[in-house]
Amino acid sequence: SHWVTEKFPGAKWLTELSVSGPRT
């Protein structure tokens, strides 16, 4: 979390995000 705060300050966290999309 310290690394995330330093590298992407203020970024929104989305954990275990379901994803689907077309496959080439």
PDBML (XML) file of the C-alpha atoms, coordinates in Angstrom:
<?xml version="1.0" encoding="UTF-8" ?>
<PDBx:datablock datablockName="MODEL"
   xmlns:PDBx="http://pdbml.pdb.org/schema/pdbx-v50.xsd"
   xmlns:xsi="http://www.w3.org/2001/XMLSchema-instance"
   xsi:schemaLocation="http://pdbml.pdb.org/schema/pdbx-v50.xsd pdbx-v50.xsd">
   <PDBx:atom_siteCategory>
      <PDBx:atom_site id="1">
         <PDBx:B_iso_or_equiv>0.00</PDBx:B_iso_or_equiv>
         <PDBx:Cartn_x>0.000</PDBx:Cartn_x>
         <PDBx:Cartn_y>0.000</PDBx:Cartn_y>
         <PDBx:Cartn_z>0.000</PDBx:Cartn_z>
         <PDBx:auth_asym_id>A</PDBx:auth_asym_id>
         <PDBx:auth_atom_id>CA</PDBx:auth_atom_id>
         <PDBx:auth_comp_id>SER</PDBx:auth_comp_id>
         <PDBx:auth_seq_id>1</PDBx:auth_seq_id>
         <PDBx:group_PDB>ATOM</PDBx:group_PDB>
         <PDBx:label_alt_id xsi:nil="true" />
         <PDBx:label_asym_id>A</PDBx:label_asym_id>
         <PDBx:label_atom_id>CA</PDBx:label_atom_id>
         <PDBx:label_comp_id>SER</PDBx:label_comp_id>
         <PDBx:label_entity_id>1</PDBx:label_entity_id>
         <PDBx:label_seq_id>1</PDBx:label_seq_id>
         <PDBx:occupancy>1.00</PDBx:occupancy>
         <PDBx:pdbx_PDB_model_num>1</PDBx:pdbx_PDB_model_num>
         <PDBx:type_symbol>C</PDBx:type_symbol>
      </PDBx:atom_site>
      <PDBx:atom_site id="2">
         <PDBx:B_iso_or_equiv>0.00</PDBx:B_iso_or_equiv>
         <PDBx:Cartn_x>2.960</PDBx:Cartn_x>
         <PDBx:Cartn_y>2.324</PDBx:Cartn_y>
         <PDBx:Cartn_z>0.644</PDBx:Cartn_z>
         <PDBx:auth_asym_id>A</PDBx:auth_asym_id>
         <PDBx:auth_atom_id>CA</PDBx:auth_atom_id>
         <PDBx:auth_comp_id>HIS</PDBx:auth_comp_id>
         <PDBx:auth_seq_id>2</PDBx:auth_seq_id>
         <PDBx:group_PDB>ATOM</PDBx:group_PDB>
         <PDBx:label_alt_id xsi:nil="true" />
         <PDBx:label_asym_id>A</PDBx:label_asym_id>
         <PDBx:label_atom_id>CA</PDBx:label_atom_id>
         <PDBx:label_comp_id>HIS</PDBx:label_comp_id>
         <PDBx:label_entity_id>1</PDBx:label_entity_id>
         <PDBx:label_seq_id>2</PDBx:label_seq_id>
         <PDBx:occupancy>1.00</PDBx:occupancy>
         <PDBx:pdbx_PDB_model_num>1</PDBx:pdbx_PDB_model_num>
         <PDBx:type_symbol>C</PDBx:type_symbol>
      </PDBx:atom_site>
      <PDBx:atom_site id="3">
         <PDBx:B_iso_or_equiv>0.00</PDBx:B_iso_or_equiv>
         <PDBx:Cartn_x>4.223</PDBx:Cartn_x>
         <PDBx:Cartn_y>1.597</PDBx:Cartn_y>
         <PDBx:Cartn_z>-2.880</PDBx:Cartn_z>
         <PDBx:auth_asym_id>A</PDBx:auth_asym_id>
         <PDBx:auth_atom_id>CA</PDBx:auth_atom_id>
         <PDBx:auth_comp_id>TRP</PDBx:auth_comp_id>
         <PDBx:auth_seq_id>3</PDBx:auth_seq_id>
         <PDBx:group_PDB>ATOM</PDBx:group_PDB>
         <PDBx:label_alt_id xsi:nil="true" />
         <PDBx:label_asym_id>A</PDBx:label_asym_id>
         <PDBx:label_atom_id>CA</PDBx:label_atom_id>
         <PDBx:label_comp_id>TRP</PDBx:label_comp_id>
         <PDBx:label_entity_id>1</PDBx:label_entity_id>
         <PDBx:label_seq_id>3</PDBx:label_seq_id>
         <PDBx:occupancy>1.00</PDBx:occupancy>
         <PDBx:pdbx_PDB_model_num>1</PDBx:pdbx_PDB_model_num>
         <PDBx:type_symbol>C</PDBx:type_symbol>
      </PDBx:atom_site>
      <PDBx:atom_site id="4">
         <PDBx:B_iso_or_equiv>0.00</PDBx:B_iso_or_equiv>
         <PDBx:Cartn_x>0.794</PDBx:Cartn_x>
         <PDBx:Cartn_y>2.288</PDBx:Cartn_y>
         <PDBx:Cartn_z>-4.385</PDBx:Cartn_z>
         <PDBx:auth_asym_id>A</PDBx:auth_asym_id>
         <PDBx:auth_atom_id>CA</PDBx:auth_atom_id>
         <PDBx:auth_comp_id>VAL</PDBx:auth_comp_id>
         <PDBx:auth_seq_id>4</PDBx:auth_seq_id>
         <PDBx:group_PDB>ATOM</PDBx:group_PDB>
         <PDBx:label_alt_id xsi:nil="true" />
         <PDBx:label_asym_id>A</PDBx:label_asym_id>
         <PDBx:label_atom_id>CA</PDBx:label_atom_id>
         <PDBx:label_comp_id>VAL</PDBx:label_comp_id>
         <PDBx:label_entity_id>1</PDBx:label_entity_id>
         <PDBx:label_seq_id>4</PDBx:label_seq_id>
         <PDBx:occupancy>1.00</PDBx:occupancy>
         <PDBx:pdbx_PDB_model_num>1</PDBx:pdbx_PDB_model_num>
         <PDBx:type_symbol>C</PDBx:type_symbol>
      </PDBx:atom_site>
      <PDBx:atom_site id="5">
         <PDBx:B_iso_or_equiv>0.00</PDBx:B_iso_or_equiv>
         <PDBx:Cartn_x>0.467</PDBx:Cartn_x>
         <PDBx:Cartn_y>5.569</PDBx:Cartn_y>
         <PDBx:Cartn_z>-2.465</PDBx:Cartn_z>
         <PDBx:auth_asym_id>A</PDBx:auth_asym_id>
         <PDBx:auth_atom_id>CA</PDBx:auth_atom_id>
         <PDBx:auth_comp_id>THR</PDBx:auth_comp_id>
         <PDBx:auth_seq_id>5</PDBx:auth_seq_id>
         <PDBx:group_PDB>ATOM</PDBx:group_PDB>
         <PDBx:label_alt_id xsi:nil="true" />
         <PDBx:label_asym_id>A</PDBx:label_asym_id>
         <PDBx:label_atom_id>CA</PDBx:label_atom_id>
         <PDBx:label_comp_id>THR</PDBx:label_comp_id>
         <PDBx:label_entity_id>1</PDBx:label_entity_id>
         <PDBx:label_seq_id>5</PDBx:label_seq_id>
         <PDBx:occupancy>1.00</PDBx:occupancy>
         <PDBx:pdbx_PDB_model_num>1</PDBx:pdbx_PDB_model_num>
         <PDBx:type_symbol>C</PDBx:type_symbol>
      </PDBx:atom_site>
      <PDBx:atom_site id="6">
         <PDBx:B_iso_or_equiv>0.00</PDBx:B_iso_or_equiv>
         <PDBx:Cartn_x>3.912</PDBx:Cartn_x>
         <PDBx:Cartn_y>6.707</PDBx:Cartn_y>
         <PDBx:Cartn_z>-3.620</PDBx:Cartn_z>
         <PDBx:auth_asym_id>A</PDBx:auth_asym_id>
         <PDBx:auth_atom_id>CA</PDBx:auth_atom_id>
         <PDBx:auth_comp_id>GLU</PDBx:auth_comp_id>
         <PDBx:auth_seq_id>6</PDBx:auth_seq_id>
         <PDBx:group_PDB>ATOM</PDBx:group_PDB>
         <PDBx:label_alt_id xsi:nil="true" />
         <PDBx:label_asym_id>A</PDBx:label_asym_id>
         <PDBx:label_atom_id>CA</PDBx:label_atom_id>
         <PDBx:label_comp_id>GLU</PDBx:label_comp_id>
         <PDBx:label_entity_id>1</PDBx:label_entity_id>
         <PDBx:label_seq_id>6</PDBx:label_seq_id>
         <PDBx:occupancy>1.00</PDBx:occupancy>
         <PDBx:pdbx_PDB_model_num>1</PDBx:pdbx_PDB_model_num>
         <PDBx:type_symbol>C</PDBx:type_symbol>
      </PDBx:atom_site>
      <PDBx:atom_site id="7">
         <PDBx:B_iso_or_equiv>0.00</PDBx:B_iso_or_equiv>
         <PDBx:Cartn_x>3.532</PDBx:Cartn_x>
         <PDBx:Cartn_y>5.688</PDBx:Cartn_y>
         <PDBx:Cartn_z>-7.272</PDBx:Cartn_z>
         <PDBx:auth_asym_id>A</PDBx:auth_asym_id>
         <PDBx:auth_atom_id>CA</PDBx:auth_atom_id>
         <PDBx:auth_comp_id>LYS</PDBx:auth_comp_id>
         <PDBx:auth_seq_id>7</PDBx:auth_seq_id>
         <PDBx:group_PDB>ATOM</PDBx:group_PDB>
         <PDBx:label_alt_id xsi:nil="true" />
         <PDBx:label_asym_id>A</PDBx:label_asym_id>
         <PDBx:label_atom_id>CA</PDBx:label_atom_id>
         <PDBx:label_comp_id>LYS</PDBx:label_comp_id>
         <PDBx:label_entity_id>1</PDBx:label_entity_id>
         <PDBx:label_seq_id>7</PDBx:label_seq_id>
         <PDBx:occupancy>1.00</PDBx:occupancy>
         <PDBx:pdbx_PDB_model_num>1</PDBx:pdbx_PDB_model_num>
         <PDBx:type_symbol>C</PDBx:type_symbol>
      </PDBx:atom_site>
      <PDBx:atom_site id="8">
         <PDBx:B_iso_or_equiv>0.00</PDBx:B_iso_or_equiv>
         <PDBx:Cartn_x>-0.182</PDBx:Cartn_x>
         <PDBx:Cartn_y>6.387</PDBx:Cartn_y>
         <PDBx:Cartn_z>-7.847</PDBx:Cartn_z>
         <PDBx:auth_asym_id>A</PDBx:auth_asym_id>
         <PDBx:auth_atom_id>CA</PDBx:auth_atom_id>
         <PDBx:auth_comp_id>PHE</PDBx:auth_comp_id>
         <PDBx:auth_seq_id>8</PDBx:auth_seq_id>
         <PDBx:group_PDB>ATOM</PDBx:group_PDB>
         <PDBx:label_alt_id xsi:nil="true" />
         <PDBx:label_asym_id>A</PDBx:label_asym_id>
         <PDBx:label_atom_id>CA</PDBx:label_atom_id>
         <PDBx:label_comp_id>PHE</PDBx:label_comp_id>
         <PDBx:label_entity_id>1</PDBx:label_entity_id>
         <PDBx:label_seq_id>8</PDBx:label_seq_id>
         <PDBx:occupancy>1.00</PDBx:occupancy>
         <PDBx:pdbx_PDB_model_num>1</PDBx:pdbx_PDB_model_num>
         <PDBx:type_symbol>C</PDBx:type_symbol>
      </PDBx:atom_site>
      <PDBx:atom_site id="9">
         <PDBx:B_iso_or_equiv>0.00</PDBx:B_iso_or_equiv>
         <PDBx:Cartn_x>-1.256</PDBx:Cartn_x>
         <PDBx:Cartn_y>8.972</PDBx:Cartn_y>
         <PDBx:Cartn_z>-5.233</PDBx:Cartn_z>
         <PDBx:auth_asym_id>A</PDBx:auth_asym_id>
         <PDBx:auth_atom_id>CA</PDBx:auth_atom_id>
         <PDBx:auth_comp_id>PRO</PDBx:auth_comp_id>
         <PDBx:auth_seq_id>9</PDBx:auth_seq_id>
         <PDBx:group_PDB>ATOM</PDBx:group_PDB>
         <PDBx:label_alt_id xsi:nil="true" />
         <PDBx:label_asym_id>A</PDBx:label_asym_id>
         <PDBx:label_atom_id>CA</PDBx:label_atom_id>
         <PDBx:label_comp_id>PRO</PDBx:label_comp_id>
         <PDBx:label_entity_id>1</PDBx:label_entity_id>
         <PDBx:label_seq_id>9</PDBx:label_seq_id>
         <PDBx:occupancy>1.00</PDBx:occupancy>
         <PDBx:pdbx_PDB_model_num>1</PDBx:pdbx_PDB_model_num>
         <PDBx:type_symbol>C</PDBx:type_symbol>
      </PDBx:atom_site>
      <PDBx:atom_site id="10">
         <PDBx:B_iso_or_equiv>0.00</PDBx:B_iso_or_equiv>
         <PDBx:Cartn_x>-5.014</PDBx:Cartn_x>
         <PDBx:Cartn_y>9.374</PDBx:Cartn_y>
         <PDBx:Cartn_z>-4.946</PDBx:Cartn_z>
         <PDBx:auth_asym_id>A</PDBx:auth_asym_id>
         <PDBx:auth_atom_id>CA</PDBx:auth_atom_id>
         <PDBx:auth_comp_id>GLY</PDBx:auth_comp_id>
         <PDBx:auth_seq_id>10</PDBx:auth_seq_id>
         <PDBx:group_PDB>ATOM</PDBx:group_PDB>
         <PDBx:label_alt_id xsi:nil="true" />
         <PDBx:label_asym_id>A</PDBx:label_asym_id>
         <PDBx:label_atom_id>CA</PDBx:label_atom_id>
         <PDBx:label_comp_id>GLY</PDBx:label_comp_id>
         <PDBx:label_entity_id>1</PDBx:label_entity_id>
         <PDBx:label_seq_id>10</PDBx:label_seq_id>
         <PDBx:occupancy>1.00</PDBx:occupancy>
         <PDBx:pdbx_PDB_model_num>1</PDBx:pdbx_PDB_model_num>
         <PDBx:type_symbol>C</PDBx:type_symbol>
      </PDBx:atom_site>
      <PDBx:atom_site id="11">
         <PDBx:B_iso_or_equiv>0.00</PDBx:B_iso_or_equiv>
         <PDBx:Cartn_x>-5.757</PDBx:Cartn_x>
         <PDBx:Cartn_y>6.407</PDBx:Cartn_y>
         <PDBx:Cartn_z>-7.232</PDBx:Cartn_z>
         <PDBx:auth_asym_id>A</PDBx:auth_asym_id>
         <PDBx:auth_atom_id>CA</PDBx:auth_atom_id>
         <PDBx:auth_comp_id>ALA</PDBx:auth_comp_id>
         <PDBx:auth_seq_id>11</PDBx:auth_seq_id>
         <PDBx:group_PDB>ATOM</PDBx:group_PDB>
         <PDBx:label_alt_id xsi:nil="true" />
         <PDBx:label_asym_id>A</PDBx:label_asym_id>
         <PDBx:label_atom_id>CA</PDBx:label_atom_id>
         <PDBx:label_comp_id>ALA</PDBx:label_comp_id>
         <PDBx:label_entity_id>1</PDBx:label_entity_id>
         <PDBx:label_seq_id>11</PDBx:label_seq_id>
         <PDBx:occupancy>1.00</PDBx:occupancy>
         <PDBx:pdbx_PDB_model_num>1</PDBx:pdbx_PDB_model_num>
         <PDBx:type_symbol>C</PDBx:type_symbol>
      </PDBx:atom_site>
      <PDBx:atom_site id="12">
         <PDBx:B_iso_or_equiv>0.00</PDBx:B_iso_or_equiv>
         <PDBx:Cartn_x>-8.999</PDBx:Cartn_x>
         <PDBx:Cartn_y>4.496</PDBx:Cartn_y>
         <PDBx:Cartn_z>-6.702</PDBx:Cartn_z>
         <PDBx:auth_asym_id>A</PDBx:auth_asym_id>
         <PDBx:auth_atom_id>CA</PDBx:auth_atom_id>
         <PDBx:auth_comp_id>LYS</PDBx:auth_comp_id>
         <PDBx:auth_seq_id>12</PDBx:auth_seq_id>
         <PDBx:group_PDB>ATOM</PDBx:group_PDB>
         <PDBx:label_alt_id xsi:nil="true" />
         <PDBx:label_asym_id>A</PDBx:label_asym_id>
         <PDBx:label_atom_id>CA</PDBx:label_atom_id>
         <PDBx:label_comp_id>LYS</PDBx:label_comp_id>
         <PDBx:label_entity_id>1</PDBx:label_entity_id>
         <PDBx:label_seq_id>12</PDBx:label_seq_id>
         <PDBx:occupancy>1.00</PDBx:occupancy>
         <PDBx:pdbx_PDB_model_num>1</PDBx:pdbx_PDB_model_num>
         <PDBx:type_symbol>C</PDBx:type_symbol>
      </PDBx:atom_site>
      <PDBx:atom_site id="13">
         <PDBx:B_iso_or_equiv>0.00</PDBx:B_iso_or_equiv>
         <PDBx:Cartn_x>-8.624</PDBx:Cartn_x>
         <PDBx:Cartn_y>0.827</PDBx:Cartn_y>
         <PDBx:Cartn_z>-5.714</PDBx:Cartn_z>
         <PDBx:auth_asym_id>A</PDBx:auth_asym_id>
         <PDBx:auth_atom_id>CA</PDBx:auth_atom_id>
         <PDBx:auth_comp_id>TRP</PDBx:auth_comp_id>
         <PDBx:auth_seq_id>13</PDBx:auth_seq_id>
         <PDBx:group_PDB>ATOM</PDBx:group_PDB>
         <PDBx:label_alt_id xsi:nil="true" />
         <PDBx:label_asym_id>A</PDBx:label_asym_id>
         <PDBx:label_atom_id>CA</PDBx:label_atom_id>
         <PDBx:label_comp_id>TRP</PDBx:label_comp_id>
         <PDBx:label_entity_id>1</PDBx:label_entity_id>
         <PDBx:label_seq_id>13</PDBx:label_seq_id>
         <PDBx:occupancy>1.00</PDBx:occupancy>
         <PDBx:pdbx_PDB_model_num>1</PDBx:pdbx_PDB_model_num>
         <PDBx:type_symbol>C</PDBx:type_symbol>
      </PDBx:atom_site>
      <PDBx:atom_site id="14">
         <PDBx:B_iso_or_equiv>0.00</PDBx:B_iso_or_equiv>
         <PDBx:Cartn_x>-10.818</PDBx:Cartn_x>
         <PDBx:Cartn_y>-1.809</PDBx:Cartn_y>
         <PDBx:Cartn_z>-7.414</PDBx:Cartn_z>
         <PDBx:auth_asym_id>A</PDBx:auth_asym_id>
         <PDBx:auth_atom_id>CA</PDBx:auth_atom_id>
         <PDBx:auth_comp_id>LEU</PDBx:auth_comp_id>
         <PDBx:auth_seq_id>14</PDBx:auth_seq_id>
         <PDBx:group_PDB>ATOM</PDBx:group_PDB>
         <PDBx:label_alt_id xsi:nil="true" />
         <PDBx:label_asym_id>A</PDBx:label_asym_id>
         <PDBx:label_atom_id>CA</PDBx:label_atom_id>
         <PDBx:label_comp_id>LEU</PDBx:label_comp_id>
         <PDBx:label_entity_id>1</PDBx:label_entity_id>
         <PDBx:label_seq_id>14</PDBx:label_seq_id>
         <PDBx:occupancy>1.00</PDBx:occupancy>
         <PDBx:pdbx_PDB_model_num>1</PDBx:pdbx_PDB_model_num>
         <PDBx:type_symbol>C</PDBx:type_symbol>
      </PDBx:atom_site>
      <PDBx:atom_site id="15">
         <PDBx:B_iso_or_equiv>0.00</PDBx:B_iso_or_equiv>
         <PDBx:Cartn_x>-10.124</PDBx:Cartn_x>
         <PDBx:Cartn_y>-5.268</PDBx:Cartn_y>
         <PDBx:Cartn_z>-5.968</PDBx:Cartn_z>
         <PDBx:auth_asym_id>A</PDBx:auth_asym_id>
         <PDBx:auth_atom_id>CA</PDBx:auth_atom_id>
         <PDBx:auth_comp_id>THR</PDBx:auth_comp_id>
         <PDBx:auth_seq_id>15</PDBx:auth_seq_id>
         <PDBx:group_PDB>ATOM</PDBx:group_PDB>
         <PDBx:label_alt_id xsi:nil="true" />
         <PDBx:label_asym_id>A</PDBx:label_asym_id>
         <PDBx:label_atom_id>CA</PDBx:label_atom_id>
         <PDBx:label_comp_id>THR</PDBx:label_comp_id>
         <PDBx:label_entity_id>1</PDBx:label_entity_id>
         <PDBx:label_seq_id>15</PDBx:label_seq_id>
         <PDBx:occupancy>1.00</PDBx:occupancy>
         <PDBx:pdbx_PDB_model_num>1</PDBx:pdbx_PDB_model_num>
         <PDBx:type_symbol>C</PDBx:type_symbol>
      </PDBx:atom_site>
      <PDBx:atom_site id="16">
         <PDBx:B_iso_or_equiv>0.00</PDBx:B_iso_or_equiv>
         <PDBx:Cartn_x>-11.219</PDBx:Cartn_x>
         <PDBx:Cartn_y>-8.626</PDBx:Cartn_y>
         <PDBx:Cartn_z>-7.419</PDBx:Cartn_z>
         <PDBx:auth_asym_id>A</PDBx:auth_asym_id>
         <PDBx:auth_atom_id>CA</PDBx:auth_atom_id>
         <PDBx:auth_comp_id>GLU</PDBx:auth_comp_id>
         <PDBx:auth_seq_id>16</PDBx:auth_seq_id>
         <PDBx:group_PDB>ATOM</PDBx:group_PDB>
         <PDBx:label_alt_id xsi:nil="true" />
         <PDBx:label_asym_id>A</PDBx:label_asym_id>
         <PDBx:label_atom_id>CA</PDBx:label_atom_id>
         <PDBx:label_comp_id>GLU</PDBx:label_comp_id>
         <PDBx:label_entity_id>1</PDBx:label_entity_id>
         <PDBx:label_seq_id>16</PDBx:label_seq_id>
         <PDBx:occupancy>1.00</PDBx:occupancy>
         <PDBx:pdbx_PDB_model_num>1</PDBx:pdbx_PDB_model_num>
         <PDBx:type_symbol>C</PDBx:type_symbol>
      </PDBx:atom_site>
      <PDBx:atom_site id="17">
         <PDBx:B_iso_or_equiv>0.00</PDBx:B_iso_or_equiv>
         <PDBx:Cartn_x>-12.609</PDBx:Cartn_x>
         <PDBx:Cartn_y>-6.838</PDBx:Cartn_y>
         <PDBx:Cartn_z>-10.463</PDBx:Cartn_z>
         <PDBx:auth_asym_id>A</PDBx:auth_asym_id>
         <PDBx:auth_atom_id>CA</PDBx:auth_atom_id>
         <PDBx:auth_comp_id>LEU</PDBx:auth_comp_id>
         <PDBx:auth_seq_id>17</PDBx:auth_seq_id>
         <PDBx:group_PDB>ATOM</PDBx:group_PDB>
         <PDBx:label_alt_id xsi:nil="true" />
         <PDBx:label_asym_id>A</PDBx:label_asym_id>
         <PDBx:label_atom_id>CA</PDBx:label_atom_id>
         <PDBx:label_comp_id>LEU</PDBx:label_comp_id>
         <PDBx:label_entity_id>1</PDBx:label_entity_id>
         <PDBx:label_seq_id>17</PDBx:label_seq_id>
         <PDBx:occupancy>1.00</PDBx:occupancy>
         <PDBx:pdbx_PDB_model_num>1</PDBx:pdbx_PDB_model_num>
         <PDBx:type_symbol>C</PDBx:type_symbol>
      </PDBx:atom_site>
      <PDBx:atom_site id="18">
         <PDBx:B_iso_or_equiv>0.00</PDBx:B_iso_or_equiv>
         <PDBx:Cartn_x>-14.642</PDBx:Cartn_x>
         <PDBx:Cartn_y>-9.069</PDBx:Cartn_y>
         <PDBx:Cartn_z>-12.776</PDBx:Cartn_z>
         <PDBx:auth_asym_id>A</PDBx:auth_asym_id>
         <PDBx:auth_atom_id>CA</PDBx:auth_atom_id>
         <PDBx:auth_comp_id>SER</PDBx:auth_comp_id>
         <PDBx:auth_seq_id>18</PDBx:auth_seq_id>
         <PDBx:group_PDB>ATOM</PDBx:group_PDB>
         <PDBx:label_alt_id xsi:nil="true" />
         <PDBx:label_asym_id>A</PDBx:label_asym_id>
         <PDBx:label_atom_id>CA</PDBx:label_atom_id>
         <PDBx:label_comp_id>SER</PDBx:label_comp_id>
         <PDBx:label_entity_id>1</PDBx:label_entity_id>
         <PDBx:label_seq_id>18</PDBx:label_seq_id>
         <PDBx:occupancy>1.00</PDBx:occupancy>
         <PDBx:pdbx_PDB_model_num>1</PDBx:pdbx_PDB_model_num>
         <PDBx:type_symbol>C</PDBx:type_symbol>
      </PDBx:atom_site>
      <PDBx:atom_site id="19">
         <PDBx:B_iso_or_equiv>0.00</PDBx:B_iso_or_equiv>
         <PDBx:Cartn_x>-13.713</PDBx:Cartn_x>
         <PDBx:Cartn_y>-8.490</PDBx:Cartn_y>
         <PDBx:Cartn_z>-16.394</PDBx:Cartn_z>
         <PDBx:auth_asym_id>A</PDBx:auth_asym_id>
         <PDBx:auth_atom_id>CA</PDBx:auth_atom_id>
         <PDBx:auth_comp_id>VAL</PDBx:auth_comp_id>
         <PDBx:auth_seq_id>19</PDBx:auth_seq_id>
         <PDBx:group_PDB>ATOM</PDBx:group_PDB>
         <PDBx:label_alt_id xsi:nil="true" />
         <PDBx:label_asym_id>A</PDBx:label_asym_id>
         <PDBx:label_atom_id>CA</PDBx:label_atom_id>
         <PDBx:label_comp_id>VAL</PDBx:label_comp_id>
         <PDBx:label_entity_id>1</PDBx:label_entity_id>
         <PDBx:label_seq_id>19</PDBx:label_seq_id>
         <PDBx:occupancy>1.00</PDBx:occupancy>
         <PDBx:pdbx_PDB_model_num>1</PDBx:pdbx_PDB_model_num>
         <PDBx:type_symbol>C</PDBx:type_symbol>
      </PDBx:atom_site>
      <PDBx:atom_site id="20">
         <PDBx:B_iso_or_equiv>0.00</PDBx:B_iso_or_equiv>
         <PDBx:Cartn_x>-14.933</PDBx:Cartn_x>
         <PDBx:Cartn_y>-9.766</PDBx:Cartn_y>
         <PDBx:Cartn_z>-19.737</PDBx:Cartn_z>
         <PDBx:auth_asym_id>A</PDBx:auth_asym_id>
         <PDBx:auth_atom_id>CA</PDBx:auth_atom_id>
         <PDBx:auth_comp_id>SER</PDBx:auth_comp_id>
         <PDBx:auth_seq_id>20</PDBx:auth_seq_id>
         <PDBx:group_PDB>ATOM</PDBx:group_PDB>
         <PDBx:label_alt_id xsi:nil="true" />
         <PDBx:label_asym_id>A</PDBx:label_asym_id>
         <PDBx:label_atom_id>CA</PDBx:label_atom_id>
         <PDBx:label_comp_id>SER</PDBx:label_comp_id>
         <PDBx:label_entity_id>1</PDBx:label_entity_id>
         <PDBx:label_seq_id>20</PDBx:label_seq_id>
         <PDBx:occupancy>1.00</PDBx:occupancy>
         <PDBx:pdbx_PDB_model_num>1</PDBx:pdbx_PDB_model_num>
         <PDBx:type_symbol>C</PDBx:type_symbol>
      </PDBx:atom_site>
      <PDBx:atom_site id="21">
         <PDBx:B_iso_or_equiv>0.00</PDBx:B_iso_or_equiv>
         <PDBx:Cartn_x>-14.185</PDBx:Cartn_x>
         <PDBx:Cartn_y>-8.667</PDBx:Cartn_y>
         <PDBx:Cartn_z>-23.254</PDBx:Cartn_z>
         <PDBx:auth_asym_id>A</PDBx:auth_asym_id>
         <PDBx:auth_atom_id>CA</PDBx:auth_atom_id>
         <PDBx:auth_comp_id>GLY</PDBx:auth_comp_id>
         <PDBx:auth_seq_id>21</PDBx:auth_seq_id>
         <PDBx:group_PDB>ATOM</PDBx:group_PDB>
         <PDBx:label_alt_id xsi:nil="true" />
         <PDBx:label_asym_id>A</PDBx:label_asym_id>
         <PDBx:label_atom_id>CA</PDBx:label_atom_id>
         <PDBx:label_comp_id>GLY</PDBx:label_comp_id>
         <PDBx:label_entity_id>1</PDBx:label_entity_id>
         <PDBx:label_seq_id>21</PDBx:label_seq_id>
         <PDBx:occupancy>1.00</PDBx:occupancy>
         <PDBx:pdbx_PDB_model_num>1</PDBx:pdbx_PDB_model_num>
         <PDBx:type_symbol>C</PDBx:type_symbol>
      </PDBx:atom_site>
      <PDBx:atom_site id="22">
         <PDBx:B_iso_or_equiv>0.00</PDBx:B_iso_or_equiv>
         <PDBx:Cartn_x>-13.544</PDBx:Cartn_x>
         <PDBx:Cartn_y>-9.829</PDBx:Cartn_y>
         <PDBx:Cartn_z>-26.823</PDBx:Cartn_z>
         <PDBx:auth_asym_id>A</PDBx:auth_asym_id>
         <PDBx:auth_atom_id>CA</PDBx:auth_atom_id>
         <PDBx:auth_comp_id>PRO</PDBx:auth_comp_id>
         <PDBx:auth_seq_id>22</PDBx:auth_seq_id>
         <PDBx:group_PDB>ATOM</PDBx:group_PDB>
         <PDBx:label_alt_id xsi:nil="true" />
         <PDBx:label_asym_id>A</PDBx:label_asym_id>
         <PDBx:label_atom_id>CA</PDBx:label_atom_id>
         <PDBx:label_comp_id>PRO</PDBx:label_comp_id>
         <PDBx:label_entity_id>1</PDBx:label_entity_id>
         <PDBx:label_seq_id>22</PDBx:label_seq_id>
         <PDBx:occupancy>1.00</PDBx:occupancy>
         <PDBx:pdbx_PDB_model_num>1</PDBx:pdbx_PDB_model_num>
         <PDBx:type_symbol>C</PDBx:type_symbol>
      </PDBx:atom_site>
      <PDBx:atom_site id="23">
         <PDBx:B_iso_or_equiv>0.00</PDBx:B_iso_or_equiv>
         <PDBx:Cartn_x>-10.634</PDBx:Cartn_x>
         <PDBx:Cartn_y>-12.161</PDBx:Cartn_y>
         <PDBx:Cartn_z>-27.544</PDBx:Cartn_z>
         <PDBx:auth_asym_id>A</PDBx:auth_asym_id>
         <PDBx:auth_atom_id>CA</PDBx:auth_atom_id>
         <PDBx:auth_comp_id>ARG</PDBx:auth_comp_id>
         <PDBx:auth_seq_id>23</PDBx:auth_seq_id>
         <PDBx:group_PDB>ATOM</PDBx:group_PDB>
         <PDBx:label_alt_id xsi:nil="true" />
         <PDBx:label_asym_id>A</PDBx:label_asym_id>
         <PDBx:label_atom_id>CA</PDBx:label_atom_id>
         <PDBx:label_comp_id>ARG</PDBx:label_comp_id>
         <PDBx:label_entity_id>1</PDBx:label_entity_id>
         <PDBx:label_seq_id>23</PDBx:label_seq_id>
         <PDBx:occupancy>1.00</PDBx:occupancy>
         <PDBx:pdbx_PDB_model_num>1</PDBx:pdbx_PDB_model_num>
         <PDBx:type_symbol>C</PDBx:type_symbol>
      </PDBx:atom_site>
      <PDBx:atom_site id="24">
         <PDBx:B_iso_or_equiv>0.00</PDBx:B_iso_or_equiv>
         <PDBx:Cartn_x>-8.657</PDBx:Cartn_x>
         <PDBx:Cartn_y>-11.536</PDBx:Cartn_y>
         <PDBx:Cartn_z>-30.726</PDBx:Cartn_z>
         <PDBx:auth_asym_id>A</PDBx:auth_asym_id>
         <PDBx:auth_atom_id>CA</PDBx:auth_atom_id>
         <PDBx:auth_comp_id>THR</PDBx:auth_comp_id>
         <PDBx:auth_seq_id>24</PDBx:auth_seq_id>
         <PDBx:group_PDB>ATOM</PDBx:group_PDB>
         <PDBx:label_alt_id xsi:nil="true" />
         <PDBx:label_asym_id>A</PDBx:label_asym_id>
         <PDBx:label_atom_id>CA</PDBx:label_atom_id>
         <PDBx:label_comp_id>THR</PDBx:label_comp_id>
         <PDBx:label_entity_id>1</PDBx:label_entity_id>
         <PDBx:label_seq_id>24</PDBx:label_seq_id>
         <PDBx:occupancy>1.00</PDBx:occupancy>
         <PDBx:pdbx_PDB_model_num>1</PDBx:pdbx_PDB_model_num>
         <PDBx:type_symbol>C</PDBx:type_symbol>
      </PDBx:atom_site>
   </PDBx:atom_siteCategory>
</PDBx:datablock>
